[in-house]
C-alpha atoms as a PDB file:
ATOM      1  CA  UNK A   1     -69.783 237.007 203.950  1.00  0.00           C
ATOM      2  CA  UNK A   2     -67.318 234.417 202.623  1.00  0.00           C
ATOM      3  CA  UNK A   3     -63.619 235.151 202.070  1.00  0.00           C
ATOM      4  CA  UNK A   4     -61.753 233.725 199.076  1.00  0.00           C
ATOM      5  CA  UNK A   5     -58.020 233.770 198.291  1.00  0.00           C
ATOM      6  CA  UNK A   6     -57.192 235.354 194.931  1.00  0.00           C
ATOM      7  CA  UNK A   7     -53.373 235.268 195.182  1.00  0.00           C
ATOM      8  CA  UNK A   8     -51.058 233.785 192.586  1.00  0.00           C
ATOM      9  CA  UNK A   9     -50.238 230.702 194.538  1.00  0.00           C
ATOM     10  CA  UNK A  10     -51.981 227.395 194.288  1.00  0.00           C
ATOM     11  CA  UNK A  11     -51.350 225.217 197.270  1.00  0.00           C
ATOM     12  CA  UNK A  12     -52.676 222.269 195.324  1.00  0.00           C
ATOM     13  CA  UNK A  13     -49.782 222.383 192.899  1.00  0.00           C
ATOM     14  CA  UNK A  14     -46.838 221.730 195.266  1.00  0.00           C
ATOM     15  CA  UNK A  15     -46.508 225.363 196.447  1.00  0.00           C
ATOM     16  CA  UNK A  16     -46.162 226.331 200.074  1.00  0.00           C
ATOM     17  CA  UNK A  17     -47.690 229.391 201.593  1.00  0.00           C
ATOM     18  CA  UNK A  18     -44.634 231.479 200.669  1.00  0.00           C
ATOM     19  CA  UNK A  19     -44.791 230.579 197.005  1.00  0.00           C
ATOM     20  CA  UNK A  20     -41.852 228.147 197.036  1.00  0.00           C
ATOM     21  CA  UNK A  21     -42.165 225.048 194.921  1.00  0.00           C
ATOM     22  CA  UNK A  22     -42.109 221.916 196.989  1.00  0.00           C
ATOM     23  CA  UNK A  23     -40.149 218.881 195.795  1.00  0.00           C
ATOM     24  CA  UNK A  24     -41.269 215.369 196.046  1.00  0.00           C
ATOM     25  CA  UNK A  25     -39.013 212.779 197.658  1.00  0.00           C
ATOM     26  CA  UNK A  26     -38.416 211.119 194.311  1.00  0.00           C
ATOM     27  CA  UNK A  27     -37.079 214.391 192.848  1.00  0.00           C
ATOM     28  CA  UNK A  28     -34.168 214.580 195.376  1.00  0.00           C
ATOM     29  CA  UNK A  29     -31.136 212.535 194.376  1.00  0.00           C
ATOM     30  CA  UNK A  30     -30.271 209.873 196.899  1.00  0.00           C
ATOM     31  CA  UNK A  31     -26.675 210.483 197.978  1.00  0.00           C
ATOM     32  CA  UNK A  32     -26.263 206.802 198.641  1.00  0.00           C
ATOM     33  CA  UNK A  33     -26.624 206.158 194.909  1.00  0.00           C
ATOM     34  CA  UNK A  34     -23.468 208.172 194.172  1.00  0.00           C
ATOM     35  CA  UNK A  35     -20.297 206.040 194.300  1.00  0.00           C
ATOM     36  CA  UNK A  36     -18.300 206.730 197.433  1.00  0.00           C
ATOM     37  CA  UNK A  37     -15.087 207.038 195.455  1.00  0.00           C
ATOM     38  CA  UNK A  38     -16.497 210.236 193.880  1.00  0.00           C
ATOM     39  CA  UNK A  39     -16.222 211.907 197.270  1.00  0.00           C
ATOM     40  CA  UNK A  40     -12.591 210.863 197.843  1.00  0.00           C
ATOM     41  CA  UNK A  41      -9.629 212.971 196.897  1.00  0.00           C
ATOM     42  CA  UNK A  42      -6.852 211.664 194.676  1.00  0.00           C
ATOM     43  CA  UNK A  43      -4.517 211.413 197.697  1.00  0.00           C
ATOM     44  CA  UNK A  44      -7.020 209.309 199.606  1.00  0.00           C
ATOM     45  CA  UNK A  45      -7.396 206.993 196.643  1.00  0.00           C
ATOM     46  CA  UNK A  46      -3.602 206.588 196.392  1.00  0.00           C
ATOM     47  CA  UNK A  47      -3.463 205.637 200.056  1.00  0.00           C
ATOM     48  CA  UNK A  48      -6.193 203.080 199.585  1.00  0.00           C
ATOM     49  CA  UNK A  49      -4.457 201.506 196.591  1.00  0.00           C
ATOM     50  CA  UNK A  50      -1.094 201.403 198.395  1.00  0.00           C
ATOM     51  CA  UNK A  51      -2.647 199.856 201.474  1.00  0.00           C
ATOM     52  CA  UNK A  52      -4.297 197.162 199.383  1.00  0.00           C
ATOM     53  CA  UNK A  53      -1.022 196.433 197.590  1.00  0.00           C
ATOM     54  CA  UNK A  54       0.814 196.281 200.921  1.00  0.00           C
ATOM     55  CA  UNK A  55      -1.648 193.722 202.191  1.00  0.00           C
ATOM     56  CA  UNK A  56      -0.687 191.421 199.315  1.00  0.00           C
ATOM     57  CA  UNK A  57       2.044 189.075 200.562  1.00  0.00           C
ATOM     58  CA  UNK A  58       3.641 188.958 197.116  1.00  0.00           C
ATOM     59  CA  UNK A  59       4.379 192.669 197.460  1.00  0.00           C
ATOM     60  CA  UNK A  60       5.016 192.912 201.195  1.00  0.00           C
ATOM     61  CA  UNK A  61       7.564 190.104 201.524  1.00  0.00           C
ATOM     62  CA  UNK A  62      10.013 191.321 198.840  1.00  0.00           C
ATOM     63  CA  UNK A  63       9.901 194.842 200.269  1.00  0.00           C
ATOM     64  CA  UNK A  64      10.598 193.552 203.787  1.00  0.00           C
ATOM     65  CA  UNK A  65      13.465 191.386 202.529  1.00  0.00           C
ATOM     66  CA  UNK A  66      14.939 194.308 200.619  1.00  0.00           C
ATOM     67  CA  UNK A  67      14.686 196.438 203.752  1.00  0.00           C
ATOM     68  CA  UNK A  68      16.785 193.876 205.625  1.00  0.00           C
ATOM     69  CA  UNK A  69      19.354 192.977 202.980  1.00  0.00           C
ATOM     70  CA  UNK A  70      20.094 196.401 201.457  1.00  0.00           C
ATOM     71  CA  UNK A  71      21.606 197.809 204.695  1.00  0.00           C
ATOM     72  CA  UNK A  72      23.533 194.549 205.145  1.00  0.00           C
ATOM     73  CA  UNK A  73      24.858 194.784 201.581  1.00  0.00           C
ATOM     74  CA  UNK A  74      25.931 198.398 202.146  1.00  0.00           C
ATOM     75  CA  UNK A  75      27.715 197.451 205.360  1.00  0.00           C
ATOM     76  CA  UNK A  76      29.564 194.539 203.727  1.00  0.00           C
ATOM     77  CA  UNK A  77      30.555 196.685 200.741  1.00  0.00           C
ATOM     78  CA  UNK A  78      32.021 199.279 203.091  1.00  0.00           C
ATOM     79  CA  UNK A  79      33.859 196.618 205.128  1.00  0.00           C
ATOM     80  CA  UNK A  80      35.462 195.027 202.046  1.00  0.00           C
ATOM     81  CA  UNK A  81      36.163 198.360 200.345  1.00  0.00           C
ATOM     82  CA  UNK A  82      33.874 197.641 197.400  1.00  0.00           C
ATOM     83  CA  UNK A  83      33.185 200.997 195.799  1.00  0.00           C
ATOM     84  CA  UNK A  84      32.395 199.978 192.225  1.00  0.00           C
ATOM     85  CA  UNK A  85      31.949 197.031 189.896  1.00  0.00           C
ATOM     86  CA  UNK A  86      35.713 197.049 189.321  1.00  0.00           C
ATOM     87  CA  UNK A  87      36.254 196.052 192.943  1.00  0.00           C
ATOM     88  CA  UNK A  88      33.844 193.126 192.555  1.00  0.00           C
ATOM     89  CA  UNK A  89      35.832 191.950 189.528  1.00  0.00           C
ATOM     90  CA  UNK A  90      39.068 192.377 191.482  1.00  0.00           C
ATOM     91  CA  UNK A  91      37.844 190.147 194.316  1.00  0.00           C
ATOM     92  CA  UNK A  92      36.745 187.465 191.855  1.00  0.00           C
ATOM     93  CA  UNK A  93      40.169 187.526 190.174  1.00  0.00           C
ATOM     94  CA  UNK A  94      42.062 187.494 193.473  1.00  0.00           C
ATOM     95  CA  UNK A  95      40.123 184.415 194.550  1.00  0.00           C
ATOM     96  CA  UNK A  96      41.287 182.591 191.403  1.00  0.00           C
ATOM     97  CA  UNK A  97      44.772 183.905 190.841  1.00  0.00           C
ATOM     98  CA  UNK A  98      46.444 185.484 193.869  1.00  0.00           C
ATOM     99  CA  UNK A  99      48.400 184.586 196.981  1.00  0.00           C
ATOM    100  CA  UNK A 100      46.003 183.814 199.878  1.00  0.00           C
ATOM    101  CA  UNK A 101      47.207 186.880 201.754  1.00  0.00           C
ATOM    102  CA  UNK A 102      44.432 188.778 199.946  1.00  0.00           C
ATOM    103  CA  UNK A 103      41.958 187.088 202.288  1.00  0.00           C
ATOM    104  CA  UNK A 104      43.782 188.440 205.357  1.00  0.00           C
ATOM    105  CA  UNK A 105      43.729 191.903 203.823  1.00  0.00           C
ATOM    106  CA  UNK A 106      40.052 191.692 202.878  1.00  0.00           C
ATOM    107  CA  UNK A 107      39.066 190.471 206.353  1.00  0.00           C
ATOM    108  CA  UNK A 108      41.233 193.121 208.069  1.00  0.00           C
ATOM    109  CA  UNK A 109      43.477 190.537 209.698  1.00  0.00           C
ATOM    110  CA  UNK A 110      46.236 192.581 208.075  1.00  0.00           C
ATOM    111  CA  UNK A 111      45.491 196.262 208.528  1.00  0.00           C
ATOM    112  CA  UNK A 112      46.873 199.775 208.261  1.00  0.00           C
ATOM    113  CA  UNK A 113      49.226 200.674 211.117  1.00  0.00           C
ATOM    114  CA  UNK A 114      50.096 197.058 211.942  1.00  0.00           C
ATOM    115  CA  UNK A 115      53.728 196.206 212.713  1.00  0.00           C
ATOM    116  CA  UNK A 116      55.442 195.027 209.545  1.00  0.00           C
ATOM    117  CA  UNK A 117      57.564 192.401 211.309  1.00  0.00           C
ATOM    118  CA  UNK A 118      54.398 190.784 212.622  1.00  0.00           C
ATOM    119  CA  UNK A 119      52.984 190.621 209.086  1.00  0.00           C
ATOM    120  CA  UNK A 120      56.205 189.148 207.693  1.00  0.00           C
ATOM    121  CA  UNK A 121      56.061 186.382 210.284  1.00  0.00           C
ATOM    122  CA  UNK A 122      52.376 185.562 209.791  1.00  0.00           C
ATOM    123  CA  UNK A 123      51.963 185.933 206.015  1.00  0.00           C
ATOM    124  CA  UNK A 124      55.255 184.572 204.618  1.00  0.00           C
ATOM    125  CA  UNK A 125      55.772 187.041 201.726  1.00  0.00           C
ATOM    126  CA  UNK A 126      57.658 185.941 198.622  1.00  0.00           C
ATOM    127  CA  UNK A 127      59.909 189.013 198.662  1.00  0.00           C
ATOM    128  CA  UNK A 128      60.918 191.460 201.386  1.00  0.00           C
ATOM    129  CA  UNK A 129      62.756 194.598 200.255  1.00  0.00           C
ATOM    130  CA  UNK A 130      64.153 197.019 202.848  1.00  0.00           C
ATOM    131  CA  UNK A 131      65.567 200.455 202.086  1.00  0.00           C
ATOM    132  CA  UNK A 132      65.674 203.587 204.232  1.00  0.00           C
ATOM    133  CA  UNK A 133      62.375 204.050 206.075  1.00  0.00           C
ATOM    134  CA  UNK A 134      60.553 201.661 203.776  1.00  0.00           C
ATOM    135  CA  UNK A 135      59.802 197.926 203.705  1.00  0.00           C
ATOM    136  CA  UNK A 136      58.002 196.437 200.698  1.00  0.00           C
ATOM    137  CA  UNK A 137      56.385 193.014 200.882  1.00  0.00           C
ATOM    138  CA  UNK A 138      55.601 191.198 197.631  1.00  0.00           C
ATOM    139  CA  UNK A 139      53.372 188.133 197.285  1.00  0.00           C
ATOM    140  CA  UNK A 140      53.894 187.177 193.655  1.00  0.00           C
ATOM    141  CA  UNK A 141      56.497 185.073 191.901  1.00  0.00           C
ATOM    142  CA  UNK A 142      58.791 186.713 189.315  1.00  0.00           C
ATOM    143  CA  UNK A 143      57.148 187.313 185.921  1.00  0.00           C
ATOM    144  CA  UNK A 144      53.700 187.007 187.457  1.00  0.00           C
ATOM    145  CA  UNK A 145      50.900 189.075 185.902  1.00  0.00           C
ATOM    146  CA  UNK A 146      49.254 189.575 189.321  1.00  0.00           C
ATOM    147  CA  UNK A 147      50.631 191.754 192.098  1.00  0.00           C
ATOM    148  CA  UNK A 148      49.931 192.006 195.807  1.00  0.00           C
ATOM    149  CA  UNK A 149      52.163 194.532 197.530  1.00  0.00           C
ATOM    150  CA  UNK A 150      52.236 195.879 201.064  1.00  0.00           C
ATOM    151  CA  UNK A 151      54.380 198.903 201.994  1.00  0.00           C
ATOM    152  CA  UNK A 152      55.436 199.876 205.498  1.00  0.00           C
ATOM    153  CA  UNK A 153      56.911 203.191 206.619  1.00  0.00           C
ATOM    154  CA  UNK A 154      58.874 203.384 209.853  1.00  0.00           C
ATOM    155  CA  UNK A 155      57.843 199.839 210.697  1.00  0.00           C
ATOM    156  CA  UNK A 156      54.063 200.328 210.258  1.00  0.00           C
ATOM    157  CA  UNK A 157      51.874 199.267 207.325  1.00  0.00           C
ATOM    158  CA  UNK A 158      50.806 202.234 205.201  1.00  0.00           C
ATOM    159  CA  UNK A 159      49.608 200.838 201.872  1.00  0.00           C
ATOM    160  CA  UNK A 160      48.254 197.548 200.511  1.00  0.00           C
ATOM    161  CA  UNK A 161      47.464 197.027 196.860  1.00  0.00           C
ATOM    162  CA  UNK A 162      46.527 194.237 194.474  1.00  0.00           C
ATOM    163  CA  UNK A 163      46.330 194.444 190.696  1.00  0.00           C
ATOM    164  CA  UNK A 164      46.810 192.962 187.266  1.00  0.00           C
ATOM    165  CA  UNK A 165      46.517 194.069 183.631  1.00  0.00           C
ATOM    166  CA  UNK A 166      42.726 194.411 183.753  1.00  0.00           C
ATOM    167  CA  UNK A 167      41.858 195.077 187.410  1.00  0.00           C
ATOM    168  CA  UNK A 168      43.199 196.634 190.608  1.00  0.00           C
ATOM    169  CA  UNK A 169      42.126 197.115 194.199  1.00  0.00           C
ATOM    170  CA  UNK A 170      43.480 199.193 197.106  1.00  0.00           C
ATOM    171  CA  UNK A 171      42.917 197.656 200.542  1.00  0.00           C
ATOM    172  CA  UNK A 172      44.212 200.689 202.426  1.00  0.00           C
ATOM    173  CA  UNK A 173      46.343 203.744 201.662  1.00  0.00           C
ATOM    174  CA  UNK A 174      47.446 204.710 199.065  1.00  0.00           C
ATOM    175  CA  UNK A 175      50.635 206.721 199.558  1.00  0.00           C
ATOM    176  CA  UNK A 176      50.407 210.380 198.673  1.00  0.00           C
ATOM    177  CA  UNK A 177      52.581 211.875 195.949  1.00  0.00           C
ATOM    178  CA  UNK A 178      55.342 213.075 198.268  1.00  0.00           C
ATOM    179  CA  UNK A 179      55.630 209.684 199.986  1.00  0.00           C
ATOM    180  CA  UNK A 180      55.696 207.898 196.631  1.00  0.00           C
ATOM    181  CA  UNK A 181      58.521 210.145 195.440  1.00  0.00           C
ATOM    182  CA  UNK A 182      60.409 209.648 198.698  1.00  0.00           C
ATOM    183  CA  UNK A 183      60.041 205.890 198.372  1.00  0.00           C
ATOM    184  CA  UNK A 184      61.368 205.919 194.803  1.00  0.00           C
ATOM    185  CA  UNK A 185      64.393 208.010 195.776  1.00  0.00           C
ATOM    186  CA  UNK A 186      65.072 205.772 198.757  1.00  0.00           C
ATOM    187  CA  UNK A 187      64.941 202.690 196.548  1.00  0.00           C
ATOM    188  CA  UNK A 188      67.465 204.240 194.158  1.00  0.00           C
ATOM    189  CA  UNK A 189      69.922 205.719 196.656  1.00  0.00           C
ATOM    190  CA  UNK A 190      69.632 203.937 200.001  1.00  0.00           C
ATOM    191  CA  UNK A 191      71.153 200.595 200.815  1.00  0.00           C
ATOM    192  CA  UNK A 192      68.758 197.774 199.952  1.00  0.00           C
ATOM    193  CA  UNK A 193      68.376 194.302 201.343  1.00  0.00           C
ATOM    194  CA  UNK A 194      66.234 191.773 199.505  1.00  0.00           C
ATOM    195  CA  UNK A 195      64.947 188.426 200.718  1.00  0.00           C
ATOM    196  CA  UNK A 196      63.318 185.961 198.336  1.00  0.00           C
ATOM    197  CA  UNK A 197      61.335 183.215 200.089  1.00  0.00           C
ATOM    198  CA  UNK A 198      63.280 183.996 203.241  1.00  0.00           C
ATOM    199  CA  UNK A 199      66.690 183.772 201.570  1.00  0.00           C
ATOM    200  CA  UNK A 200      68.822 186.934 201.288  1.00  0.00           C
ATOM    201  CA  UNK A 201      69.821 187.959 197.785  1.00  0.00           C
ATOM    202  CA  UNK A 202      73.046 189.819 197.127  1.00  0.00           C
ATOM    203  CA  UNK A 203      72.631 193.277 195.614  1.00  0.00           C
END
């Protein structure tokens, strides 16, 4: 007696013994045909682009130079007291128009707390005005539009300022309101001595 299969499956038509349809190799998509970038996240792609840009010398060199010079520029600005564009203008004007003492102030050769008599000897101010606790050093000729003034209290430098009609710069200080008022009252009421180019002037 011969046995014959009458089930619904036909093994000759790509069915296995469990009835599942078999797939030919050509029907399965080759993963290698899909672009690799499709499998990368947006963050990974950004990293790749940035790395490629970094490897370009035209991009890398300016960034490296900026990394070196920006901290240097910040340090120099702090040293010279440059806090805004107005200070840059002030330095340019001082270089053209002012007594050379501005260079000693800018380079901290004259500094806050220094003995005023030492500064008078080394910088040769145009005017020296003494009254009460205060000594004012001026470095401009009469009727000058530019001013450089240094003020000492109790023999020590406390304020240094330079200015004109269109610019100004404070090297150190300034005096607070109470000290400014005290200085004004001292100038009005205390005995004053004034020297102009080293020569005493009668008051």
